[in-house]
Amino acid sequence: MANIKSAKKRILVNQKRADRNKAVKSGVKTAIKKVNAAVAANDKAAASTALVAATSAINKAATKGVYHKNTASRKVSRLAQAVNKMA
């Protein structure tokens, strides 16, 4: 365990940020699963609405620094491609 005050604070701040990042990533994964489930069910309307929600969640995560912008872009691209293939 750290003895220095600043080191103790670093531990607390790092834990808080890790928890926040984990929550954001979990939300993104859930949104992606909803899109994939709609695509698997061949439900175009549900897939489109889920895609909009997932894209928003992924872009917010990238803005917050949870995901790198290229990673976020790749995730959005793959989801959009899956939804567009349904048509």
PDB file of N, CA and C in Angstrom:
ATOM      1  N   MET A   1       0.843  -1.191   0.000  1.00  0.00           N
ATOM      2  CA  MET A   1       0.000   0.000   0.000  1.00  0.00           C
ATOM      3  C   MET A   1       0.880   1.242   0.000  1.00  0.00           C
ATOM      4  N   ALA A   2       0.422   2.263  -0.694  1.00  0.00           N
ATOM      5  CA  ALA A   2       1.192   3.498  -0.816  1.00  0.00           C
ATOM      6  C   ALA A   2       1.205   4.263   0.506  1.00  0.00           C
ATOM      7  N   ASN A   3       2.316   4.931   0.781  1.00  0.00           N
ATOM      8  CA  ASN A   3       2.449   5.753   1.979  1.00  0.00           C
ATOM      9  C   ASN A   3       2.310   7.232   1.660  1.00  0.00           C
ATOM     10  N   ILE A   4       2.664   7.612   0.455  1.00  0.00           N
ATOM     11  CA  ILE A   4       2.652   9.021   0.077  1.00  0.00           C
ATOM     12  C   ILE A   4       1.238   9.438  -0.303  1.00  0.00           C
ATOM     13  N   LYS A   5       0.864  10.639   0.143  1.00  0.00           N
ATOM     14  CA  LYS A   5      -0.503  11.135  -0.063  1.00  0.00           C
ATOM     15  C   LYS A   5      -0.879  11.174  -1.547  1.00  0.00           C
ATOM     16  N   SER A   6       0.020  11.651  -2.386  1.00  0.00           N
ATOM     17  CA  SER A   6      -0.282  11.757  -3.820  1.00  0.00           C
ATOM     18  C   SER A   6      -0.437  10.368  -4.452  1.00  0.00           C
ATOM     19  N   ALA A   7       0.315   9.401  -3.969  1.00  0.00           N
ATOM     20  CA  ALA A   7       0.211   8.032  -4.489  1.00  0.00           C
ATOM     21  C   ALA A   7      -1.125   7.414  -4.095  1.00  0.00           C
ATOM     22  N   LYS A   8      -1.582   7.719  -2.876  1.00  0.00           N
ATOM     23  CA  LYS A   8      -2.890   7.228  -2.431  1.00  0.00           C
ATOM     24  C   LYS A   8      -3.997   7.815  -3.298  1.00  0.00           C
ATOM     25  N   LYS A   9      -3.862   9.109  -3.601  1.00  0.00           N
ATOM     26  CA  LYS A   9      -4.871   9.764  -4.439  1.00  0.00           C
ATOM     27  C   LYS A   9      -4.866   9.146  -5.837  1.00  0.00           C
ATOM     28  N   ARG A  10      -3.685   8.897  -6.391  1.00  0.00           N
ATOM     29  CA  ARG A  10      -3.580   8.283  -7.721  1.00  0.00           C
ATOM     30  C   ARG A  10      -4.340   6.956  -7.753  1.00  0.00           C
ATOM     31  N   ILE A  11      -4.168   6.149  -6.695  1.00  0.00           N
ATOM     32  CA  ILE A  11      -4.843   4.855  -6.628  1.00  0.00           C
ATOM     33  C   ILE A  11      -6.358   5.042  -6.671  1.00  0.00           C
ATOM     34  N   LEU A  12      -6.862   5.987  -5.888  1.00  0.00           N
ATOM     35  CA  LEU A  12      -8.301   6.248  -5.852  1.00  0.00           C
ATOM     36  C   LEU A  12      -8.819   6.756  -7.197  1.00  0.00           C
ATOM     37  N   VAL A  13      -8.110   7.698  -7.780  1.00  0.00           N
ATOM     38  CA  VAL A  13      -8.535   8.285  -9.046  1.00  0.00           C
ATOM     39  C   VAL A  13      -8.496   7.237 -10.163  1.00  0.00           C
ATOM     40  N   ASN A  14      -7.431   6.436 -10.191  1.00  0.00           N
ATOM     41  CA  ASN A  14      -7.324   5.386 -11.210  1.00  0.00           C
ATOM     42  C   ASN A  14      -8.464   4.385 -11.095  1.00  0.00           C
ATOM     43  N   GLN A  15      -8.817   4.022  -9.870  1.00  0.00           N
ATOM     44  CA  GLN A  15      -9.913   3.071  -9.663  1.00  0.00           C
ATOM     45  C   GLN A  15     -11.239   3.660 -10.135  1.00  0.00           C
ATOM     46  N   LYS A  16     -11.447   4.934  -9.823  1.00  0.00           N
ATOM     47  CA  LYS A  16     -12.686   5.601 -10.222  1.00  0.00           C
ATOM     48  C   LYS A  16     -12.798   5.663 -11.741  1.00  0.00           C
ATOM     49  N   ARG A  17     -11.706   6.002 -12.407  1.00  0.00           N
ATOM     50  CA  ARG A  17     -11.705   6.074 -13.867  1.00  0.00           C
ATOM     51  C   ARG A  17     -11.893   4.703 -14.498  1.00  0.00           C
ATOM     52  N   ALA A  18     -11.252   3.689 -13.903  1.00  0.00           N
ATOM     53  CA  ALA A  18     -11.387   2.324 -14.422  1.00  0.00           C
ATOM     54  C   ALA A  18     -12.839   1.859 -14.327  1.00  0.00           C
ATOM     55  N   ASP A  19     -13.491   2.178 -13.222  1.00  0.00           N
ATOM     56  CA  ASP A  19     -14.900   1.797 -13.043  1.00  0.00           C
ATOM     57  C   ASP A  19     -15.788   2.507 -14.060  1.00  0.00           C
ATOM     58  N   ARG A  20     -15.502   3.785 -14.291  1.00  0.00           N
ATOM     59  CA  ARG A  20     -16.297   4.551 -15.257  1.00  0.00           C
ATOM     60  C   ARG A  20     -16.088   4.005 -16.666  1.00  0.00           C
ATOM     61  N   ASN A  21     -14.839   3.705 -17.015  1.00  0.00           N
ATOM     62  CA  ASN A  21     -14.540   3.146 -18.338  1.00  0.00           C
ATOM     63  C   ASN A  21     -15.218   1.789 -18.523  1.00  0.00           C
ATOM     64  N   LYS A  22     -15.208   0.993 -17.468  1.00  0.00           N
ATOM     65  CA  LYS A  22     -15.833  -0.331 -17.537  1.00  0.00           C
ATOM     66  C   LYS A  22     -17.331  -0.199 -17.792  1.00  0.00           C
ATOM     67  N   ALA A  23     -17.980   0.760 -17.133  1.00  0.00           N
ATOM     68  CA  ALA A  23     -19.409   0.977 -17.321  1.00  0.00           C
ATOM     69  C   ALA A  23     -19.718   1.413 -18.748  1.00  0.00           C
ATOM     70  N   VAL A  24     -18.900   2.305 -19.295  1.00  0.00           N
ATOM     71  CA  VAL A  24     -19.103   2.793 -20.659  1.00  0.00           C
ATOM     72  C   VAL A  24     -18.911   1.656 -21.657  1.00  0.00           C
ATOM     73  N   LYS A  25     -17.854   0.867 -21.480  1.00  0.00           N
ATOM     74  CA  LYS A  25     -17.590  -0.260 -22.384  1.00  0.00           C
ATOM     75  C   LYS A  25     -18.724  -1.283 -22.330  1.00  0.00           C
ATOM     76  N   SER A  26     -19.230  -1.523 -21.140  1.00  0.00           N
ATOM     77  CA  SER A  26     -20.325  -2.472 -20.973  1.00  0.00           C
ATOM     78  C   SER A  26     -21.563  -1.990 -21.721  1.00  0.00           C
ATOM     79  N   GLY A  27     -21.842  -0.693 -21.641  1.00  0.00           N
ATOM     80  CA  GLY A  27     -22.983  -0.123 -22.360  1.00  0.00           C
ATOM     81  C   GLY A  27     -22.833  -0.258 -23.865  1.00  0.00           C
ATOM     82  N   VAL A  28     -21.625  -0.051 -24.344  1.00  0.00           N
ATOM     83  CA  VAL A  28     -21.359  -0.181 -25.782  1.00  0.00           C
ATOM     84  C   VAL A  28     -21.563  -1.627 -26.222  1.00  0.00           C
ATOM     85  N   LYS A  29     -21.045  -2.572 -25.433  1.00  0.00           N
ATOM     86  CA  LYS A  29     -21.194  -3.990 -25.776  1.00  0.00           C
ATOM     87  C   LYS A  29     -22.664  -4.390 -25.828  1.00  0.00           C
ATOM     88  N   THR A  30     -23.457  -3.881 -24.881  1.00  0.00           N
ATOM     89  CA  THR A  30     -24.885  -4.175 -24.857  1.00  0.00           C
ATOM     90  C   THR A  30     -25.559  -3.635 -26.112  1.00  0.00           C
ATOM     91  N   ALA A  31     -25.215  -2.414 -26.505  1.00  0.00           N
ATOM     92  CA  ALA A  31     -25.801  -1.801 -27.697  1.00  0.00           C
ATOM     93  C   ALA A  31     -25.443  -2.602 -28.945  1.00  0.00           C
ATOM     94  N   ILE A  32     -24.195  -3.068 -29.010  1.00  0.00           N
ATOM     95  CA  ILE A  32     -23.753  -3.872 -30.161  1.00  0.00           C
ATOM     96  C   ILE A  32     -24.517  -5.200 -30.210  1.00  0.00           C
ATOM     97  N   LYS A  33     -24.727  -5.818 -29.039  1.00  0.00           N
ATOM     98  CA  LYS A  33     -25.465  -7.083 -28.983  1.00  0.00           C
ATOM     99  C   LYS A  33     -26.901  -6.894 -29.469  1.00  0.00           C
ATOM    100  N   LYS A  34     -27.506  -5.744 -29.145  1.00  0.00           N
ATOM    101  CA  LYS A  34     -28.880  -5.483 -29.592  1.00  0.00           C
ATOM    102  C   LYS A  34     -28.944  -5.390 -31.116  1.00  0.00           C
ATOM    103  N   VAL A  35     -27.954  -4.743 -31.713  1.00  0.00           N
ATOM    104  CA  VAL A  35     -27.914  -4.639 -33.177  1.00  0.00           C
ATOM    105  C   VAL A  35     -27.743  -6.032 -33.780  1.00  0.00           C
ATOM    106  N   ASN A  36     -26.803  -6.801 -33.255  1.00  0.00           N
ATOM    107  CA  ASN A  36     -26.547  -8.141 -33.784  1.00  0.00           C
ATOM    108  C   ASN A  36     -27.762  -9.060 -33.624  1.00  0.00           C
ATOM    109  N   ALA A  37     -28.479  -8.914 -32.510  1.00  0.00           N
ATOM    110  CA  ALA A  37     -29.675  -9.728 -32.287  1.00  0.00           C
ATOM    111  C   ALA A  37     -30.755  -9.374 -33.305  1.00  0.00           C
ATOM    112  N   ALA A  38     -30.913  -8.076 -33.597  1.00  0.00           N
ATOM    113  CA  ALA A  38     -31.916  -7.634 -34.569  1.00  0.00           C
ATOM    114  C   ALA A  38     -31.547  -8.114 -35.971  1.00  0.00           C
ATOM    115  N   VAL A  39     -30.256  -8.101 -36.282  1.00  0.00           N
ATOM    116  CA  VAL A  39     -29.798  -8.579 -37.592  1.00  0.00           C
ATOM    117  C   VAL A  39     -30.042 -10.083 -37.709  1.00  0.00           C
ATOM    118  N   ALA A  40     -29.764 -10.812 -36.631  1.00  0.00           N
ATOM    119  CA  ALA A  40     -29.974 -12.262 -36.642  1.00  0.00           C
ATOM    120  C   ALA A  40     -31.458 -12.605 -36.793  1.00  0.00           C
ATOM    121  N   ALA A  41     -32.323 -11.766 -36.193  1.00  0.00           N
ATOM    122  CA  ALA A  41     -33.771 -11.984 -36.278  1.00  0.00           C
ATOM    123  C   ALA A  41     -34.334 -11.479 -37.602  1.00  0.00           C
ATOM    124  N   ASN A  42     -33.481 -10.843 -38.409  1.00  0.00           N
ATOM    125  CA  ASN A  42     -33.873 -10.294 -39.714  1.00  0.00           C
ATOM    126  C   ASN A  42     -34.948  -9.217 -39.577  1.00  0.00           C
ATOM    127  N   ASP A  43     -34.833  -8.406 -38.521  1.00  0.00           N
ATOM    128  CA  ASP A  43     -35.783  -7.323 -38.260  1.00  0.00           C
ATOM    129  C   ASP A  43     -35.134  -5.999 -38.641  1.00  0.00           C
ATOM    130  N   LYS A  44     -35.431  -5.527 -39.853  1.00  0.00           N
ATOM    131  CA  LYS A  44     -34.769  -4.339 -40.408  1.00  0.00           C
ATOM    132  C   LYS A  44     -35.035  -3.085 -39.568  1.00  0.00           C
ATOM    133  N   ALA A  45     -36.284  -2.890 -39.144  1.00  0.00           N
ATOM    134  CA  ALA A  45     -36.646  -1.684 -38.381  1.00  0.00           C
ATOM    135  C   ALA A  45     -35.922  -1.646 -37.038  1.00  0.00           C
ATOM    136  N   ALA A  46     -35.947  -2.752 -36.332  1.00  0.00           N
ATOM    137  CA  ALA A  46     -35.286  -2.814 -35.027  1.00  0.00           C
ATOM    138  C   ALA A  46     -33.776  -2.657 -35.177  1.00  0.00           C
ATOM    139  N   ALA A  47     -33.231  -3.239 -36.235  1.00  0.00           N
ATOM    140  CA  ALA A  47     -31.789  -3.143 -36.468  1.00  0.00           C
ATOM    141  C   ALA A  47     -31.381  -1.701 -36.729  1.00  0.00           C
ATOM    142  N   SER A  48     -32.196  -0.980 -37.490  1.00  0.00           N
ATOM    143  CA  SER A  48     -31.885   0.422 -37.803  1.00  0.00           C
ATOM    144  C   SER A  48     -31.909   1.296 -36.553  1.00  0.00           C
ATOM    145  N   THR A  49     -32.938   1.126 -35.728  1.00  0.00           N
ATOM    146  CA  THR A  49     -33.016   1.934 -34.502  1.00  0.00           C
ATOM    147  C   THR A  49     -31.898   1.563 -33.535  1.00  0.00           C
ATOM    148  N   ALA A  50     -31.592   0.258 -33.441  1.00  0.00           N
ATOM    149  CA  ALA A  50     -30.509  -0.187 -32.561  1.00  0.00           C
ATOM    150  C   ALA A  50     -29.169   0.321 -33.067  1.00  0.00           C
ATOM    151  N   LEU A  51     -29.019   0.400 -34.393  1.00  0.00           N
ATOM    152  CA  LEU A  51     -27.767   0.892 -34.984  1.00  0.00           C
ATOM    153  C   LEU A  51     -27.534   2.352 -34.604  1.00  0.00           C
ATOM    154  N   VAL A  52     -28.590   3.163 -34.653  1.00  0.00           N
ATOM    155  CA  VAL A  52     -28.465   4.576 -34.289  1.00  0.00           C
ATOM    156  C   VAL A  52     -28.030   4.707 -32.831  1.00  0.00           C
ATOM    157  N   ALA A  53     -28.654   3.925 -31.953  1.00  0.00           N
ATOM    158  CA  ALA A  53     -28.314   3.968 -30.523  1.00  0.00           C
ATOM    159  C   ALA A  53     -26.882   3.492 -30.284  1.00  0.00           C
ATOM    160  N   ALA A  54     -26.495   2.425 -30.966  1.00  0.00           N
ATOM    161  CA  ALA A  54     -25.151   1.876 -30.793  1.00  0.00           C
ATOM    162  C   ALA A  54     -24.093   2.846 -31.306  1.00  0.00           C
ATOM    163  N   THR A  55     -24.365   3.458 -32.461  1.00  0.00           N
ATOM    164  CA  THR A  55     -23.426   4.428 -33.028  1.00  0.00           C
ATOM    165  C   THR A  55     -23.212   5.587 -32.066  1.00  0.00           C
ATOM    166  N   SER A  56     -24.306   6.058 -31.479  1.00  0.00           N
ATOM    167  CA  SER A  56     -24.224   7.155 -30.512  1.00  0.00           C
ATOM    168  C   SER A  56     -23.381   6.754 -29.300  1.00  0.00           C
ATOM    169  N   ALA A  57     -23.635   5.569 -28.776  1.00  0.00           N
ATOM    170  CA  ALA A  57     -22.900   5.094 -27.597  1.00  0.00           C
ATOM    171  C   ALA A  57     -21.413   4.936 -27.900  1.00  0.00           C
ATOM    172  N   ILE A  58     -21.102   4.396 -29.076  1.00  0.00           N
ATOM    173  CA  ILE A  58     -19.696   4.176 -29.460  1.00  0.00           C
ATOM    174  C   ILE A  58     -18.985   5.512 -29.634  1.00  0.00           C
ATOM    175  N   ASN A  59     -19.642   6.468 -30.297  1.00  0.00           N
ATOM    176  CA  ASN A  59     -19.020   7.777 -30.512  1.00  0.00           C
ATOM    177  C   ASN A  59     -18.806   8.525 -29.202  1.00  0.00           C
ATOM    178  N   LYS A  60     -19.742   8.394 -28.268  1.00  0.00           N
ATOM    179  CA  LYS A  60     -19.573   9.023 -26.951  1.00  0.00           C
ATOM    180  C   LYS A  60     -18.384   8.406 -26.220  1.00  0.00           C
ATOM    181  N   ALA A  61     -18.247   7.091 -26.332  1.00  0.00           N
ATOM    182  CA  ALA A  61     -17.124   6.406 -25.681  1.00  0.00           C
ATOM    183  C   ALA A  61     -15.802   6.877 -26.277  1.00  0.00           C
ATOM    184  N   ALA A  62     -15.775   7.082 -27.594  1.00  0.00           N
ATOM    185  CA  ALA A  62     -14.548   7.559 -28.248  1.00  0.00           C
ATOM    186  C   ALA A  62     -14.233   8.987 -27.813  1.00  0.00           C
ATOM    187  N   THR A  63     -15.266   9.804 -27.680  1.00  0.00           N
ATOM    188  CA  THR A  63     -15.078  11.192 -27.246  1.00  0.00           C
ATOM    189  C   THR A  63     -14.513  11.247 -25.829  1.00  0.00           C
ATOM    190  N   LYS A  64     -14.969  10.350 -24.975  1.00  0.00           N
ATOM    191  CA  LYS A  64     -14.501  10.304 -23.587  1.00  0.00           C
ATOM    192  C   LYS A  64     -13.123   9.680 -23.451  1.00  0.00           C
ATOM    193  N   GLY A  65     -12.631   9.062 -24.538  1.00  0.00           N
ATOM    194  CA  GLY A  65     -11.306   8.470 -24.497  1.00  0.00           C
ATOM    195  C   GLY A  65     -11.305   7.023 -24.055  1.00  0.00           C
ATOM    196  N   VAL A  66     -12.481   6.417 -23.980  1.00  0.00           N
ATOM    197  CA  VAL A  66     -12.554   5.010 -23.589  1.00  0.00           C
ATOM    198  C   VAL A  66     -12.070   4.134 -24.738  1.00  0.00           C
ATOM    199  N   TYR A  67     -12.479   4.504 -25.965  1.00  0.00           N
ATOM    200  CA  TYR A  67     -12.019   3.816 -27.167  1.00  0.00           C
ATOM    201  C   TYR A  67     -11.201   4.780 -28.009  1.00  0.00           C
ATOM    202  N   HIS A  68     -10.209   4.257 -28.724  1.00  0.00           N
ATOM    203  CA  HIS A  68      -9.481   5.041 -29.713  1.00  0.00           C
ATOM    204  C   HIS A  68     -10.439   5.337 -30.859  1.00  0.00           C
ATOM    205  N   LYS A  69     -10.256   6.478 -31.519  1.00  0.00           N
ATOM    206  CA  LYS A  69     -11.201   6.882 -32.560  1.00  0.00           C
ATOM    207  C   LYS A  69     -11.264   5.890 -33.713  1.00  0.00           C
ATOM    208  N   ASN A  70     -10.141   5.247 -34.043  1.00  0.00           N
ATOM    209  CA  ASN A  70     -10.148   4.261 -35.128  1.00  0.00           C
ATOM    210  C   ASN A  70     -10.891   2.984 -34.714  1.00  0.00           C
ATOM    211  N   THR A  71     -10.766   2.614 -33.456  1.00  0.00           N
ATOM    212  CA  THR A  71     -11.484   1.451 -32.949  1.00  0.00           C
ATOM    213  C   THR A  71     -12.983   1.710 -33.003  1.00  0.00           C
ATOM    214  N   ALA A  72     -13.378   2.900 -32.571  1.00  0.00           N
ATOM    215  CA  ALA A  72     -14.796   3.270 -32.596  1.00  0.00           C
ATOM    216  C   ALA A  72     -15.312   3.276 -34.028  1.00  0.00           C
ATOM    217  N   SER A  73     -14.529   3.840 -34.925  1.00  0.00           N
ATOM    218  CA  SER A  73     -14.915   3.905 -36.327  1.00  0.00           C
ATOM    219  C   SER A  73     -15.082   2.507 -36.912  1.00  0.00           C
ATOM    220  N   ARG A  74     -14.190   1.609 -36.563  1.00  0.00           N
ATOM    221  CA  ARG A  74     -14.257   0.231 -37.057  1.00  0.00           C
ATOM    222  C   ARG A  74     -15.518  -0.467 -36.552  1.00  0.00           C
ATOM    223  N   LYS A  75     -15.832  -0.276 -35.275  1.00  0.00           N
ATOM    224  CA  LYS A  75     -17.029  -0.894 -34.698  1.00  0.00           C
ATOM    225  C   LYS A  75     -18.294  -0.388 -35.390  1.00  0.00           C
ATOM    226  N   VAL A  76     -18.376   0.930 -35.593  1.00  0.00           N
ATOM    227  CA  VAL A  76     -19.541   1.523 -36.255  1.00  0.00           C
ATOM    228  C   VAL A  76     -19.647   1.006 -37.680  1.00  0.00           C
ATOM    229  N   SER A  77     -18.532   0.942 -38.372  1.00  0.00           N
ATOM    230  CA  SER A  77     -18.515   0.494 -39.760  1.00  0.00           C
ATOM    231  C   SER A  77     -19.010  -0.936 -39.889  1.00  0.00           C
ATOM    232  N   ARG A  78     -18.552  -1.809 -39.012  1.00  0.00           N
ATOM    233  CA  ARG A  78     -18.959  -3.210 -39.077  1.00  0.00           C
ATOM    234  C   ARG A  78     -20.444  -3.381 -38.783  1.00  0.00           C
ATOM    235  N   LEU A  79     -20.953  -2.595 -37.817  1.00  0.00           N
ATOM    236  CA  LEU A  79     -22.380  -2.674 -37.509  1.00  0.00           C
ATOM    237  C   LEU A  79     -23.218  -2.172 -38.683  1.00  0.00           C
ATOM    238  N   ALA A  80     -22.820  -1.042 -39.245  1.00  0.00           N
ATOM    239  CA  ALA A  80     -23.547  -0.465 -40.383  1.00  0.00           C
ATOM    240  C   ALA A  80     -23.533  -1.429 -41.558  1.00  0.00           C
ATOM    241  N   GLN A  81     -22.411  -2.065 -41.783  1.00  0.00           N
ATOM    242  CA  GLN A  81     -22.278  -3.022 -42.883  1.00  0.00           C
ATOM    243  C   GLN A  81     -23.229  -4.211 -42.672  1.00  0.00           C
ATOM    244  N   ALA A  82     -23.316  -4.681 -41.438  1.00  0.00           N
ATOM    245  CA  ALA A  82     -24.205  -5.815 -41.143  1.00  0.00           C
ATOM    246  C   ALA A  82     -25.661  -5.449 -41.373  1.00  0.00           C
ATOM    247  N   VAL A  83     -26.047  -4.223 -40.965  1.00  0.00           N
ATOM    248  CA  VAL A  83     -27.433  -3.776 -41.147  1.00  0.00           C
ATOM    249  C   VAL A  83     -27.737  -3.549 -42.620  1.00  0.00           C
ATOM    250  N   ASN A  84     -26.783  -2.979 -43.343  1.00  0.00           N
ATOM    251  CA  ASN A  84     -27.012  -2.691 -44.769  1.00  0.00           C
ATOM    252  C   ASN A  84     -27.099  -3.964 -45.605  1.00  0.00           C
ATOM    253  N   LYS A  85     -26.433  -5.032 -45.162  1.00  0.00           N
ATOM    254  CA  LYS A  85     -26.493  -6.299 -45.899  1.00  0.00           C
ATOM    255  C   LYS A  85     -27.892  -6.930 -45.853  1.00  0.00           C
ATOM    256  N   MET A  86     -28.680  -6.524 -44.859  1.00  0.00           N
ATOM    257  CA  MET A  86     -30.027  -7.084 -44.705  1.00  0.00           C
ATOM    258  C   MET A  86     -30.947  -6.660 -45.843  1.00  0.00           C
ATOM    259  N   ALA A  87     -30.725  -5.478 -46.398  1.00  0.00           N
ATOM    260  CA  ALA A  87     -31.632  -4.918 -47.392  1.00  0.00           C
ATOM    261  C   ALA A  87     -31.645  -5.711 -48.698  1.00  0.00           C
TER     262      ALA A  87
END
